[in-house]
N, C-alpha and C. Protein backbone atom coordinates (compact mmCIF):
# COMPACT_ATOMS: atom_id res chain seq x y z
N UNK A 1 -25.21 15.93 1.83
CA UNK A 1 -26.44 15.96 2.43
C UNK A 1 -26.67 14.40 3.15
N UNK A 2 -27.48 14.37 4.19
CA UNK A 2 -27.31 13.38 5.12
C UNK A 2 -28.42 12.48 4.73
N UNK A 3 -28.05 11.17 5.34
CA UNK A 3 -28.74 9.75 4.81
C UNK A 3 -30.60 10.14 4.80
N UNK A 4 -31.25 9.21 4.36
CA UNK A 4 -32.72 9.67 4.50
C UNK A 4 -33.01 9.29 6.03
N UNK A 5 -32.42 8.49 6.98
CA UNK A 5 -32.50 8.38 8.33
C UNK A 5 -32.30 9.36 8.79
N UNK A 6 -31.41 10.43 8.42
CA UNK A 6 -30.81 11.75 9.17
C UNK A 6 -32.03 12.75 8.93
N UNK A 7 -32.26 12.54 7.90
CA UNK A 7 -33.20 13.53 7.20
C UNK A 7 -34.73 13.65 8.13
N UNK A 8 -34.72 12.44 8.56
CA UNK A 8 -36.15 11.83 8.91
C UNK A 8 -36.07 12.61 10.63
N UNK A 9 -35.05 11.97 10.84
CA UNK A 9 -34.72 12.55 12.33
C UNK A 9 -34.90 14.40 12.27
N UNK A 10 -34.25 14.98 11.80
CA UNK A 10 -34.48 16.39 11.27
C UNK A 10 -35.43 16.60 11.34
N UNK A 11 -36.73 15.74 10.74
CA UNK A 11 -37.97 16.67 10.12
C UNK A 11 -38.63 16.23 11.57
N UNK A 12 -38.40 14.91 12.51
CA UNK A 12 -39.28 15.15 13.39
C UNK A 12 -39.15 16.10 14.78
N UNK A 13 -37.39 16.03 14.83
CA UNK A 13 -36.80 17.22 15.54
C UNK A 13 -37.72 18.61 15.42
N UNK A 14 -37.71 19.18 13.70
CA UNK A 14 -38.44 20.33 13.85
C UNK A 14 -39.59 20.45 14.09
N UNK A 15 -40.27 19.31 14.21
CA UNK A 15 -41.92 19.35 13.97
C UNK A 15 -42.22 19.12 15.25
N UNK A 16 -41.69 18.65 16.57
CA UNK A 16 -41.59 18.41 17.84
C UNK A 16 -41.11 19.54 18.18
N UNK A 17 -40.08 20.21 17.74
CA UNK A 17 -39.75 21.83 18.34
C UNK A 17 -40.97 22.64 18.27
N UNK A 18 -41.40 22.68 16.68
CA UNK A 18 -42.73 23.55 16.70
C UNK A 18 -43.90 23.62 17.27
N UNK A 19 -43.95 21.92 17.99
CA UNK A 19 -45.40 21.76 18.50
C UNK A 19 -44.87 22.14 20.02
N UNK A 20 -43.59 22.28 20.33
CA UNK A 20 -43.29 22.26 21.99
C UNK A 20 -43.28 23.42 22.15
N UNK A 21 -42.94 24.29 21.34
CA UNK A 21 -43.02 26.17 21.43
C UNK A 21 -44.35 26.52 21.15
N UNK A 22 -45.17 25.85 20.26
CA UNK A 22 -47.06 26.66 20.36
C UNK A 22 -47.54 26.25 21.65
N UNK A 23 -47.21 24.42 22.14
CA UNK A 23 -48.07 24.06 23.11
C UNK A 23 -47.69 25.20 24.30
N UNK A 24 -46.27 25.85 24.53
CA UNK A 24 -45.85 26.94 25.52
C UNK A 24 -46.60 27.89 25.06
N UNK A 25 -46.69 28.35 24.32
CA UNK A 25 -47.23 29.84 23.56
C UNK A 25 -49.03 29.55 23.98
N UNK A 26 -49.50 28.38 23.78
CA UNK A 26 -50.99 28.01 24.27
C UNK A 26 -51.15 28.50 25.69
N UNK A 27 -50.22 27.79 26.36
CA UNK A 27 -50.40 27.17 27.62
C UNK A 27 -49.96 29.10 28.33
N UNK A 28 -49.35 29.87 27.91
CA UNK A 28 -49.12 31.38 28.54
C UNK A 28 -50.19 32.05 28.14
N UNK A 29 -50.63 32.32 26.90
CA UNK A 29 -51.48 32.38 26.10
C UNK A 29 -53.26 32.64 27.20
N UNK A 30 -53.27 31.12 27.79
CA UNK A 30 -54.37 30.49 28.82
C UNK A 30 -54.38 31.45 30.21
N UNK A 31 -52.87 31.51 30.49
CA UNK A 31 -52.48 31.82 31.74
C UNK A 31 -52.91 33.56 31.85
N UNK A 32 -52.62 34.10 30.53
CA UNK A 32 -52.93 35.61 30.81
C UNK A 32 -54.44 35.77 30.48
N UNK A 33 -54.92 34.79 29.85
CA UNK A 33 -56.70 35.10 29.53
C UNK A 33 -56.91 34.94 31.02
N UNK A 34 -56.37 33.89 32.29
CA UNK A 34 -57.31 33.88 33.31
C UNK A 34 -57.10 35.19 34.16
N UNK A 35 -55.79 35.82 34.26
CA UNK A 35 -55.55 37.19 34.86
C UNK A 35 -55.87 38.72 34.01
N UNK A 36 -56.33 38.63 33.00
CA UNK A 36 -56.82 39.78 32.53
C UNK A 36 -58.13 39.96 32.75
N UNK A 37 -58.49 41.13 33.21
CA UNK A 37 -59.64 41.66 33.65
C UNK A 37 -60.85 42.36 32.53
N UNK A 38 -60.36 42.78 31.81
CA UNK A 38 -60.72 43.43 30.54
C UNK A 38 -61.48 42.42 29.96
N UNK A 39 -63.26 42.80 29.80
CA UNK A 39 -63.84 41.92 28.71
C UNK A 39 -63.55 41.69 27.63
N UNK A 40 -63.27 42.91 26.87
CA UNK A 40 -63.04 42.87 25.69
C UNK A 40 -61.43 42.08 25.22
N UNK A 41 -60.62 42.14 26.37
CA UNK A 41 -59.27 41.75 26.29
C UNK A 41 -59.47 40.12 26.37
N UNK A 42 -60.35 40.21 27.29
CA UNK A 42 -60.54 38.33 27.50
C UNK A 42 -60.99 37.88 26.05
N UNK A 43 -62.15 38.48 25.73
CA UNK A 43 -62.58 37.52 24.31
C UNK A 43 -61.62 37.46 23.43
N UNK A 44 -60.51 38.45 23.17
CA UNK A 44 -59.50 38.58 22.08
C UNK A 44 -58.80 37.66 22.41
N UNK A 45 -58.30 37.27 23.95
CA UNK A 45 -57.36 36.29 23.96
C UNK A 45 -57.88 35.21 24.10
N UNK A 46 -59.44 35.33 24.07
CA UNK A 46 -60.06 33.83 23.82
C UNK A 46 -59.70 32.94 22.55
N UNK A 47 -59.92 34.13 21.54
CA UNK A 47 -60.09 33.95 20.25
C UNK A 47 -58.62 33.44 19.78
N UNK A 48 -57.20 34.36 20.52
CA UNK A 48 -55.98 33.66 20.04
C UNK A 48 -55.56 32.53 20.49
N UNK A 49 -56.60 32.09 22.10
CA UNK A 49 -56.12 30.55 21.95
C UNK A 49 -56.80 29.83 21.11
N UNK A 50 -57.99 30.10 20.69
CA UNK A 50 -58.92 28.78 20.20
C UNK A 50 -57.97 28.76 18.33
N UNK A 51 -57.35 30.03 17.97
CA UNK A 51 -56.47 29.78 16.82
C UNK A 51 -55.30 29.27 17.39
N UNK A 52 -54.57 29.48 18.05
CA UNK A 52 -53.43 28.53 18.06
C UNK A 52 -53.88 27.07 18.35
N UNK A 53 -54.89 26.62 18.90
CA UNK A 53 -55.13 25.54 19.23
C UNK A 53 -55.57 24.76 18.17
N UNK A 54 -56.15 25.55 17.51
CA UNK A 54 -56.87 24.98 15.70
C UNK A 54 -55.46 24.55 15.18
N UNK A 55 -54.27 25.55 15.38
CA UNK A 55 -53.04 25.81 14.63
C UNK A 55 -52.43 24.07 15.05
N UNK A 56 -52.34 24.28 16.44
CA UNK A 56 -51.34 23.00 16.40
C UNK A 56 -52.25 21.94 16.27
N UNK A 57 -53.31 21.67 16.33
CA UNK A 57 -54.05 20.38 15.88
C UNK A 57 -54.23 20.02 14.74
N UNK A 58 -53.99 21.30 13.94
CA UNK A 58 -54.05 20.63 12.25
C UNK A 58 -52.68 20.03 11.92
N UNK A 59 -51.35 20.89 12.70
CA UNK A 59 -50.13 20.63 12.56
C UNK A 59 -49.99 18.77 13.26
N UNK A 60 -50.33 18.47 13.81
CA UNK A 60 -50.29 17.37 14.58
C UNK A 60 -51.32 16.19 14.07
N UNK A 61 -52.33 16.53 12.84
CA UNK A 61 -52.69 15.85 12.25
C UNK A 61 -52.87 15.26 11.08
N UNK A 62 -51.77 15.94 10.35
CA UNK A 62 -51.72 16.31 8.91
C UNK A 62 -50.28 15.86 8.68
N UNK A 63 -50.14 15.51 7.39
CA UNK A 63 -48.53 15.41 6.78
C UNK A 63 -47.81 16.71 6.51
N UNK A 64 -46.77 16.63 7.43
CA UNK A 64 -46.07 17.77 7.00
C UNK A 64 -44.77 16.96 6.12
N UNK A 65 -44.74 18.16 5.41
CA UNK A 65 -43.56 18.10 4.40
C UNK A 65 -42.34 18.58 5.53
N UNK A 66 -40.79 17.52 4.80
CA UNK A 66 -39.73 17.45 5.58
C UNK A 66 -38.50 17.36 4.54
N UNK A 67 -37.66 16.98 4.95
CA UNK A 67 -36.56 16.89 4.25
C UNK A 67 -36.27 15.78 3.84
N UNK A 68 -36.61 14.91 4.67
CA UNK A 68 -37.13 13.01 4.52
C UNK A 68 -37.48 13.09 2.66
N UNK A 69 -38.30 13.63 2.55
CA UNK A 69 -39.11 13.79 1.38
C UNK A 69 -38.41 14.13 0.03
N UNK A 70 -37.02 14.57 0.66
CA UNK A 70 -36.45 15.16 -0.82
C UNK A 70 -35.70 13.85 -1.71
N UNK A 71 -35.67 14.08 -2.83
CA UNK A 71 -34.85 12.76 -3.76
C UNK A 71 -33.63 13.62 -3.52
N UNK A 72 -32.72 12.73 -2.76
CA UNK A 72 -31.23 13.07 -2.75
C UNK A 72 -30.55 13.44 -3.79
N UNK A 73 -30.52 12.39 -4.85
CA UNK A 73 -29.64 12.81 -5.93
C UNK A 73 -29.89 13.88 -7.09
N UNK A 74 -31.45 14.21 -7.01
CA UNK A 74 -31.96 14.83 -7.55
C UNK A 74 -31.54 16.58 -6.96
N UNK A 75 -31.64 16.78 -5.25
CA UNK A 75 -31.57 17.89 -4.93
C UNK A 75 -29.62 18.22 -4.47
N UNK A 76 -29.39 17.09 -4.90
CA UNK A 76 -27.51 17.61 -5.13
C UNK A 76 -27.40 18.24 -6.75
N UNK A 77 -28.06 17.46 -7.54
CA UNK A 77 -27.78 18.31 -8.94
C UNK A 77 -28.32 19.27 -9.36
N UNK A 78 -29.10 19.95 -8.74
CA UNK A 78 -29.75 20.79 -8.97
C UNK A 78 -29.38 22.33 -8.24
N UNK A 79 -29.01 23.29 -8.71
CA UNK A 79 -28.69 24.25 -8.08
C UNK A 79 -30.11 25.27 -7.74
N UNK A 80 -30.73 24.93 -8.11
CA UNK A 80 -32.41 25.63 -8.23
C UNK A 80 -32.67 25.21 -6.47
N UNK A 81 -32.60 23.97 -6.71
CA UNK A 81 -33.48 23.34 -5.17
C UNK A 81 -32.19 23.62 -3.91
N UNK A 82 -30.97 24.32 -4.24
CA UNK A 82 -29.98 24.39 -3.44
C UNK A 82 -30.68 25.58 -2.68
N UNK A 83 -30.95 26.88 -3.53
CA UNK A 83 -31.11 28.09 -3.65
C UNK A 83 -32.22 28.07 -2.72
N UNK A 84 -33.54 26.84 -3.17
CA UNK A 84 -34.75 26.98 -2.38
C UNK A 84 -34.54 26.48 -1.02
N UNK A 85 -33.52 25.12 -0.92
CA UNK A 85 -33.23 24.80 0.39
C UNK A 85 -32.82 25.79 1.44
N UNK A 86 -32.01 26.99 0.93
CA UNK A 86 -31.44 27.90 1.95
C UNK A 86 -32.64 28.62 2.20
N UNK A 87 -33.79 29.20 1.35
CA UNK A 87 -34.99 29.68 1.52
C UNK A 87 -35.73 29.33 2.70
N UNK A 88 -35.56 28.02 2.92
CA UNK A 88 -36.66 27.04 3.60
C UNK A 88 -35.63 27.05 5.37
N UNK A 89 -34.51 27.27 4.94
CA UNK A 89 -33.55 26.92 5.96
C UNK A 89 -34.02 28.52 6.77
N UNK A 90 -34.00 29.78 6.09
CA UNK A 90 -34.45 31.21 6.72
C UNK A 90 -35.54 30.75 7.09
N UNK A 91 -36.36 30.40 6.63
CA UNK A 91 -38.13 30.58 7.16
C UNK A 91 -37.80 29.97 8.36
N UNK A 92 -37.32 28.37 8.66
CA UNK A 92 -36.95 28.05 9.33
C UNK A 92 -36.60 28.99 10.81
N UNK A 93 -35.14 29.75 10.51
CA UNK A 93 -35.05 30.47 11.46
C UNK A 93 -35.85 31.45 11.98
N UNK A 94 -36.33 32.08 10.95
CA UNK A 94 -37.11 33.43 11.35
C UNK A 94 -38.43 32.84 11.58
N UNK A 95 -39.24 31.75 11.73
CA UNK A 95 -40.05 31.14 12.60
C UNK A 95 -39.32 31.22 14.26
N UNK A 96 -38.62 30.15 14.19
CA UNK A 96 -38.07 30.34 15.77
C UNK A 96 -37.60 31.06 16.41
N UNK A 97 -37.29 32.42 15.70
CA UNK A 97 -37.05 33.50 16.25
C UNK A 97 -38.23 34.49 16.66
N UNK A 98 -39.31 33.93 15.78
CA UNK A 98 -40.54 34.81 16.33
C UNK A 98 -40.91 34.23 17.47
N UNK A 99 -41.38 32.54 17.66
CA UNK A 99 -41.74 31.84 18.09
C UNK A 99 -41.06 32.22 19.68
N UNK A 100 -39.84 32.26 19.96
CA UNK A 100 -39.42 32.85 20.62
C UNK A 100 -39.73 33.95 21.72
N UNK A 101 -39.42 34.93 20.72
CA UNK A 101 -39.63 36.39 20.68
C UNK A 101 -41.50 36.45 21.19
N UNK A 102 -42.11 35.83 20.61
CA UNK A 102 -43.66 35.89 21.27
C UNK A 102 -43.87 35.40 22.52
N UNK A 103 -43.22 34.22 22.47
CA UNK A 103 -43.13 33.90 24.44
C UNK A 103 -42.64 34.63 25.10
N UNK A 104 -41.31 35.54 24.72
CA UNK A 104 -41.23 36.61 25.88
C UNK A 104 -42.06 37.42 25.89
N UNK A 105 -42.57 37.90 24.80
CA UNK A 105 -43.61 39.00 25.01
C UNK A 105 -45.10 38.72 25.74
N UNK A 106 -45.23 37.24 25.77
CA UNK A 106 -46.32 36.87 26.60
C UNK A 106 -46.48 37.01 28.07
N UNK A 107 -45.01 36.35 28.43
CA UNK A 107 -44.26 36.49 29.62
C UNK A 107 -44.42 37.76 29.95
N UNK A 108 -43.73 38.35 29.46
CA UNK A 108 -43.75 39.91 29.98
C UNK A 108 -45.27 40.55 30.71
N UNK A 109 -46.15 40.13 29.29
CA UNK A 109 -47.48 40.46 29.81
C UNK A 109 -48.13 39.73 30.89
N UNK A 110 -47.70 38.36 31.28
CA UNK A 110 -48.26 38.02 32.29
C UNK A 110 -47.70 38.33 33.86
N UNK A 111 -46.44 39.23 33.59
CA UNK A 111 -46.09 40.02 34.54
C UNK A 111 -46.46 41.72 35.08
N UNK A 112 -47.10 42.31 33.48
CA UNK A 112 -47.79 43.19 33.88
C UNK A 112 -49.46 43.05 33.37
N UNK A 113 -50.25 42.44 33.68
CA UNK A 113 -51.55 41.99 32.79
C UNK A 113 -52.51 43.40 32.23
N UNK A 114 -51.99 44.50 33.40
CA UNK A 114 -52.81 45.85 32.92
C UNK A 114 -51.95 46.32 31.82
N UNK A 115 -50.99 45.61 31.09
CA UNK A 115 -50.52 46.10 30.26
C UNK A 115 -51.49 45.53 28.38
N UNK A 116 -51.99 44.76 29.00
CA UNK A 116 -52.60 44.01 27.88
C UNK A 116 -54.03 45.17 27.56
N UNK A 117 -54.11 45.54 26.64
CA UNK A 117 -54.78 46.65 26.19
C UNK A 117 -54.91 46.53 24.74
N UNK A 118 -55.79 47.15 23.96
CA UNK A 118 -55.96 47.09 22.49
C UNK A 118 -54.98 46.80 21.50
N UNK A 119 -53.68 47.78 21.63
CA UNK A 119 -52.30 47.81 20.84
C UNK A 119 -51.70 46.62 21.09
N UNK A 120 -51.37 46.12 22.25
CA UNK A 120 -50.79 44.90 22.80
C UNK A 120 -51.77 43.95 22.13
N UNK A 121 -52.64 43.79 22.09
CA UNK A 121 -53.70 42.58 21.62
C UNK A 121 -53.68 42.59 19.91
N UNK A 122 -53.35 43.86 19.58
CA UNK A 122 -53.48 43.69 17.90
C UNK A 122 -51.90 43.15 17.71
N UNK A 123 -50.93 43.09 18.27
CA UNK A 123 -49.61 43.05 18.16
C UNK A 123 -49.88 41.72 18.30
N UNK A 124 -50.30 40.92 19.29
CA UNK A 124 -50.60 39.59 19.32
C UNK A 124 -50.98 39.00 18.86
N UNK A 125 -52.47 39.33 17.70
CA UNK A 125 -52.88 39.22 16.95
C UNK A 125 -52.23 38.87 15.61
N UNK A 126 -51.64 40.12 15.20
CA UNK A 126 -50.40 40.09 14.03
C UNK A 126 -48.85 39.26 14.18
N UNK A 127 -48.99 38.79 15.46
CA UNK A 127 -47.76 38.08 15.76
C UNK A 127 -48.34 36.78 15.64
N UNK A 128 -49.27 36.51 15.99
CA UNK A 128 -49.91 35.25 15.54
C UNK A 128 -50.29 34.85 13.86
N UNK A 129 -50.45 35.84 13.44
CA UNK A 129 -50.56 35.75 11.98
C UNK A 129 -49.45 35.53 11.31
N UNK A 130 -48.29 36.26 11.67
CA UNK A 130 -46.95 36.07 10.80
C UNK A 130 -46.21 35.11 11.20
N UNK A 131 -46.48 34.57 12.70
CA UNK A 131 -45.97 32.81 12.94
C UNK A 131 -46.43 31.84 11.94
N UNK A 132 -47.46 32.25 11.76
CA UNK A 132 -48.33 31.22 10.94
C UNK A 132 -48.25 31.03 9.31
N UNK A 133 -48.10 32.11 8.68
CA UNK A 133 -47.67 32.30 7.67
C UNK A 133 -46.32 31.79 7.11
N UNK A 134 -45.58 32.44 8.51
CA UNK A 134 -43.95 32.03 8.12
C UNK A 134 -43.98 30.07 7.94
N UNK A 135 -44.94 29.64 8.98
CA UNK A 135 -44.60 28.14 8.95
C UNK A 135 -45.24 27.90 7.74
N UNK A 136 -46.16 28.31 6.73
CA UNK A 136 -46.65 28.07 5.72
C UNK A 136 -46.02 28.77 4.39
N UNK A 137 -44.70 29.34 4.75
CA UNK A 137 -44.21 29.87 3.59
C UNK A 137 -43.29 29.08 3.47
N UNK A 138 -42.55 28.28 4.60
CA UNK A 138 -41.67 27.50 4.39
C UNK A 138 -42.31 25.93 3.76
N UNK A 139 -43.57 26.01 4.12
CA UNK A 139 -44.09 24.37 3.58
C UNK A 139 -44.16 24.45 2.03
N UNK A 140 -44.43 25.88 1.96
CA UNK A 140 -44.55 26.08 0.30
C UNK A 140 -43.57 25.92 -0.37
N UNK A 141 -42.44 26.53 0.01
CA UNK A 141 -41.17 26.52 -0.47
C UNK A 141 -40.19 25.30 -0.57
N UNK A 142 -40.92 24.26 0.64
CA UNK A 142 -39.98 22.63 0.83
C UNK A 142 -41.14 21.80 -0.38
N UNK A 143 -42.16 22.14 -0.28
CA UNK A 143 -43.01 21.96 -1.65
C UNK A 143 -42.47 21.91 -2.68
N UNK A 144 -41.71 23.24 -2.96
CA UNK A 144 -41.11 23.16 -4.69
C UNK A 144 -40.06 22.79 -4.64
N UNK A 145 -39.28 22.18 -3.71
CA UNK A 145 -38.21 21.25 -3.52
C UNK A 145 -38.35 20.01 -4.07
N UNK A 146 -39.04 19.55 -3.12
CA UNK A 146 -39.81 18.20 -3.30
C UNK A 146 -40.37 17.82 -4.63
N UNK A 147 -41.18 18.68 -4.98
CA UNK A 147 -42.02 18.83 -6.50
C UNK A 147 -43.29 17.53 -6.05
N UNK A 148 -43.55 16.97 -7.36
CA UNK A 148 -44.91 16.58 -7.26
C UNK A 148 -44.51 15.04 -6.56
N UNK A 149 -45.73 14.72 -5.35
CA UNK A 149 -45.73 13.70 -4.72
C UNK A 149 -46.24 12.97 -5.63
N UNK A 150 -45.98 11.81 -5.60
CA UNK A 150 -46.34 10.38 -6.31
C UNK A 150 -47.01 9.58 -5.09
């Protein structure tokens, strides 16, 4: 395991990348909202933009659990924490896969705004929910690894 400084840098990079990807998604949603003609679709895109904006704002405004909060000696001695850390890494990998796939789907929709119909918007809503839930899962598991904060 790295030093506290290394772990803090990992945390900063992770948080930065999540924010950057979220900002890009919000920009794509906003662009899509501007070119979609159907009022029902516009309303759902407005809602999606609002959800993403609130989520990103919350990420920037609260303390985010990270690897730098690990107690290095405890993490090295406890096999349970190792398994939990693997789960955190899996959640992070899944999170970024979903973020990139979501951006790709939005980019495709921008090329063909007529394809943005009811089912596509349901998928968009479900994708948003799944990304945010995966992030929360990562935070929850990391919280178990870190344990109670004093």
